[in-house]
């Protein structure tokens, strides 16, 4: 694992991604860490206290989940109806993430980002992957309740995550950042390119390969 994580400090990273059951996918992607990845910031909701040391490093898996086609959905059903749908999903997602040892750090308007710390024997990559799959399974129930098709996409990666406290509306809240967060966000954005529901980063794929059937896709 140490050898795998060491690649983050190289100027170029070859990212091996793989395809997984239920349209979960990973891919190979050259990434210039100093220029090609835009900064991504994750913030805890409601000013919850975080015990991590600012500037320190935490090993874990970052998971982004997004409601596909949210703009079109909002235009079709209106803001209040969309908010009802999204709130319903977030209640379900919060329970799923916590059950697998993670925490939702921020809602994103049509999705969320969660962090799964790597603790002891708990595999954070597997925890994040299982959480994503359970979120996908909520699509049928949400579609039935809200009388319209609901589909989610996701991206996840494992690695070192840093952060610190920032001022948000006069409240000091924790903000996570780093290459792991950036890459997970890019994987979420690339789901349409590969017609995939879930894109898995290289380090997470390495941790999952003995537990889940994966398929490499190529480069983008």
Protein backbone atom coordinates (compact mmCIF):
# COMPACT_ATOMS: atom_id res chain seq x y z
CA UNK A 1 0.00 0.00 0.00
CA UNK A 2 2.87 2.35 0.80
CA UNK A 3 4.33 1.76 -2.66
CA UNK A 4 0.97 2.51 -4.25
CA UNK A 5 0.49 5.73 -2.32
CA UNK A 6 4.00 6.91 -3.14
CA UNK A 7 2.92 7.53 -6.74
CA UNK A 8 1.03 10.66 -5.65
CA UNK A 9 4.37 12.40 -5.22
CA UNK A 10 5.48 11.84 -8.82
CA UNK A 11 4.84 14.61 -11.37
CA UNK A 12 2.80 12.19 -13.50
CA UNK A 13 0.46 9.47 -12.35
CA UNK A 14 -0.82 6.61 -14.47
CA UNK A 15 -4.27 5.91 -13.11
CA UNK A 16 -5.46 2.34 -13.64
CA UNK A 17 -9.24 2.13 -13.55
CA UNK A 18 -11.47 -0.85 -13.78
CA UNK A 19 -15.00 -1.82 -14.61
CA UNK A 20 -17.01 -3.44 -11.82
CA UNK A 21 -20.34 -5.28 -11.40
CA UNK A 22 -23.53 -3.22 -11.85
CA UNK A 23 -21.90 -0.76 -14.26
CA UNK A 24 -19.22 0.25 -11.71
CA UNK A 25 -16.13 1.28 -13.65
CA UNK A 26 -12.46 2.17 -13.35
CA UNK A 27 -10.11 3.55 -16.00
CA UNK A 28 -6.57 4.56 -16.86
CA UNK A 29 -5.90 8.25 -16.80
CA UNK A 30 -2.63 10.24 -16.95
CA UNK A 31 -2.98 13.07 -14.43
CA UNK A 32 -0.69 16.09 -13.99
CA UNK A 33 -1.11 16.71 -10.31
CA UNK A 34 0.32 20.23 -10.36
CA UNK A 35 -1.79 21.62 -13.21
CA UNK A 36 -4.50 19.36 -14.62
CA UNK A 37 -6.52 18.87 -11.45
CA UNK A 38 -8.55 21.81 -10.19
CA UNK A 39 -8.77 22.31 -6.43
CA UNK A 40 -11.65 20.58 -4.68
CA UNK A 41 -12.81 21.44 -1.20
CA UNK A 42 -15.06 19.46 1.08
CA UNK A 43 -16.77 21.05 4.07
CA UNK A 44 -18.62 19.58 7.02
CA UNK A 45 -22.24 20.68 7.37
CA UNK A 46 -23.50 22.64 10.33
CA UNK A 47 -20.14 23.45 11.88
CA UNK A 48 -19.63 19.98 13.27
CA UNK A 49 -16.41 19.70 15.25
CA UNK A 50 -13.62 17.70 13.64
CA UNK A 51 -10.76 16.30 15.73
CA UNK A 52 -8.26 16.05 12.88
CA UNK A 53 -5.14 18.20 12.99
CA UNK A 54 -5.11 20.96 10.33
CA UNK A 55 -2.47 20.19 7.72
CA UNK A 56 -2.28 16.55 8.76
CA UNK A 57 -2.83 13.57 6.48
CA UNK A 58 -5.61 10.99 6.79
CA UNK A 59 -5.71 7.77 4.79
CA UNK A 60 -9.17 7.00 3.49
CA UNK A 61 -11.54 6.81 0.53
CA UNK A 62 -13.45 9.78 -0.89
CA UNK A 63 -16.84 9.09 -2.49
CA UNK A 64 -18.80 11.53 -4.67
CA UNK A 65 -22.42 10.66 -5.51
CA UNK A 66 -24.58 12.74 -7.83
CA UNK A 67 -28.17 12.70 -9.11
CA UNK A 68 -27.85 12.35 -12.88
CA UNK A 69 -29.75 14.90 -14.93
CA UNK A 70 -30.65 17.06 -11.94
CA UNK A 71 -30.90 20.26 -14.00
CA UNK A 72 -33.43 18.75 -16.37
CA UNK A 73 -35.31 17.15 -13.48
CA UNK A 74 -35.59 20.48 -11.66
CA UNK A 75 -36.88 22.17 -14.81
CA UNK A 76 -39.49 19.45 -15.32
CA UNK A 77 -40.84 19.06 -11.79
CA UNK A 78 -39.93 22.42 -10.22
CA UNK A 79 -37.66 23.40 -7.36
CA UNK A 80 -39.88 22.33 -4.42
CA UNK A 81 -40.54 18.87 -5.88
CA UNK A 82 -36.85 18.36 -6.64
CA UNK A 83 -35.90 19.42 -3.11
CA UNK A 84 -38.36 16.86 -1.73
CA UNK A 85 -36.78 14.14 -3.88
CA UNK A 86 -33.23 15.16 -2.95
CA UNK A 87 -34.03 15.41 0.77
CA UNK A 88 -35.55 11.95 0.66
CA UNK A 89 -32.41 10.58 -0.97
CA UNK A 90 -30.06 12.31 1.47
CA UNK A 91 -31.87 10.81 4.46
CA UNK A 92 -31.37 7.35 2.98
CA UNK A 93 -27.78 8.06 1.91
CA UNK A 94 -26.74 9.36 5.34
CA UNK A 95 -27.84 6.11 6.98
CA UNK A 96 -26.01 4.06 4.35
CA UNK A 97 -22.74 6.00 4.65
CA UNK A 98 -22.70 5.91 8.46
CA UNK A 99 -23.48 2.19 8.48
CA UNK A 100 -20.34 1.61 6.42
CA UNK A 101 -18.12 3.73 8.65
CA UNK A 102 -18.13 6.95 6.64
CA UNK A 103 -19.41 10.48 7.07
CA UNK A 104 -21.07 12.82 4.58
CA UNK A 105 -18.93 15.93 4.61
CA UNK A 106 -20.99 18.11 2.31
CA UNK A 107 -24.09 18.13 0.13
CA UNK A 108 -23.51 19.49 -3.37
CA UNK A 109 -26.98 20.61 -4.45
CA UNK A 110 -27.66 17.41 -6.38
CA UNK A 111 -25.38 14.99 -4.55
CA UNK A 112 -22.83 14.62 -1.76
CA UNK A 113 -19.23 13.85 -0.94
CA UNK A 114 -18.33 11.44 1.86
CA UNK A 115 -15.09 10.38 3.51
CA UNK A 116 -14.41 6.83 4.72
CA UNK A 117 -11.34 6.77 7.00
CA UNK A 118 -9.09 3.70 6.73
CA UNK A 119 -9.27 2.26 10.25
CA UNK A 120 -7.69 -1.02 11.37
CA UNK A 121 -9.11 -3.96 9.46
CA UNK A 122 -11.85 -1.83 7.87
CA UNK A 123 -11.19 -1.43 4.16
CA UNK A 124 -12.27 2.11 3.31
CA UNK A 125 -12.39 1.39 -0.43
CA UNK A 126 -14.77 -1.52 0.06
CA UNK A 127 -16.88 0.53 2.48
CA UNK A 128 -17.20 3.36 -0.03
CA UNK A 129 -17.92 0.95 -2.88
CA UNK A 130 -20.67 -0.83 -0.94
CA UNK A 131 -22.16 2.52 0.06
CA UNK A 132 -22.28 3.60 -3.59
CA UNK A 133 -23.99 0.34 -4.59
CA UNK A 134 -26.58 0.72 -1.83
CA UNK A 135 -27.24 4.31 -2.92
CA UNK A 136 -27.83 3.05 -6.46
CA UNK A 137 -30.36 0.55 -5.11
CA UNK A 138 -32.39 3.45 -3.72
CA UNK A 139 -33.20 4.53 -7.28
CA UNK A 140 -36.18 2.18 -7.63
CA UNK A 141 -37.79 3.25 -4.35
CA UNK A 142 -37.22 6.94 -5.07
CA UNK A 143 -38.57 6.57 -8.61
CA UNK A 144 -41.72 4.93 -7.25
CA UNK A 145 -42.22 7.49 -4.47
CA UNK A 146 -41.58 10.55 -6.62
CA UNK A 147 -43.13 9.15 -9.80
CA UNK A 148 -40.19 9.75 -12.12
CA UNK A 149 -36.97 7.93 -13.12
CA UNK A 150 -34.10 8.52 -10.69
CA UNK A 151 -30.49 7.57 -11.50
CA UNK A 152 -27.28 8.20 -9.57
CA UNK A 153 -23.62 8.26 -10.63
CA UNK A 154 -20.51 8.12 -8.44
CA UNK A 155 -16.73 8.34 -8.35
CA UNK A 156 -14.37 7.17 -5.62
CA UNK A 157 -10.67 7.01 -4.87
CA UNK A 158 -8.45 6.01 -1.96
CA UNK A 159 -5.41 7.92 -0.73
CA UNK A 160 -4.17 10.60 1.59
CA UNK A 161 -6.55 13.44 2.42
CA UNK A 162 -5.48 16.66 4.08
CA UNK A 163 -7.49 19.60 5.33
CA UNK A 164 -8.00 22.38 7.82
CA UNK A 165 -10.58 24.67 9.34
CA UNK A 166 -12.15 27.44 7.26
CA UNK A 167 -14.65 30.17 8.08
CA UNK A 168 -18.11 29.53 6.62
CA UNK A 169 -20.71 32.08 7.61
CA UNK A 170 -18.85 32.87 10.83
CA UNK A 171 -18.50 29.19 11.76
CA UNK A 172 -15.20 27.30 11.71
CA UNK A 173 -15.76 24.11 9.74
CA UNK A 174 -13.45 21.40 8.48
CA UNK A 175 -12.40 21.47 4.83
CA UNK A 176 -10.84 18.37 3.22
CA UNK A 177 -8.69 18.68 0.11
CA UNK A 178 -5.91 17.04 -1.85
CA UNK A 179 -5.27 14.91 -4.91
CA UNK A 180 -7.52 12.08 -3.68
CA UNK A 181 -10.49 14.46 -3.41
CA UNK A 182 -9.69 16.02 -6.78
CA UNK A 183 -9.43 12.70 -8.58
CA UNK A 184 -12.65 11.32 -7.06
CA UNK A 185 -14.44 14.45 -8.27
CA UNK A 186 -12.99 14.07 -11.78
CA UNK A 187 -14.06 10.44 -11.90
CA UNK A 188 -17.63 11.45 -11.08
CA UNK A 189 -17.54 14.02 -13.89
CA UNK A 190 -16.20 11.42 -16.36
CA UNK A 191 -19.04 8.94 -15.86
CA UNK A 192 -20.83 10.08 -19.03
CA UNK A 193 -17.69 9.56 -21.11
CA UNK A 194 -17.71 5.86 -20.24
CA UNK A 195 -21.48 5.45 -19.83
CA UNK A 196 -20.79 4.22 -16.30
CA UNK A 197 -22.55 4.60 -13.00
CA UNK A 198 -19.39 4.29 -10.88
CA UNK A 199 -15.78 5.13 -11.69
CA UNK A 200 -13.10 3.77 -9.37
CA UNK A 201 -9.62 5.29 -9.04
CA UNK A 202 -6.34 3.32 -9.25
CA UNK A 203 -5.54 2.93 -5.56
CA UNK A 204 -9.12 1.97 -4.68
CA UNK A 205 -9.17 -0.48 -7.60
CA UNK A 206 -6.02 -2.14 -6.28
CA UNK A 207 -7.66 -2.63 -2.89
CA UNK A 208 -10.85 -3.97 -4.46
CA UNK A 209 -9.42 -6.26 -7.14
CA UNK A 210 -9.40 -9.40 -4.94
CA UNK A 211 -12.98 -8.79 -3.76
CA UNK A 212 -14.82 -7.43 -6.78
CA UNK A 213 -14.58 -8.28 -10.46
CA UNK A 214 -13.01 -5.29 -12.24
CA UNK A 215 -12.45 -4.43 -15.91
CA UNK A 216 -9.91 -1.89 -17.18
CA UNK A 217 -11.33 0.67 -19.65
CA UNK A 218 -8.44 2.59 -21.16
CA UNK A 219 -7.43 6.24 -20.91
CA UNK A 220 -9.02 9.65 -21.05
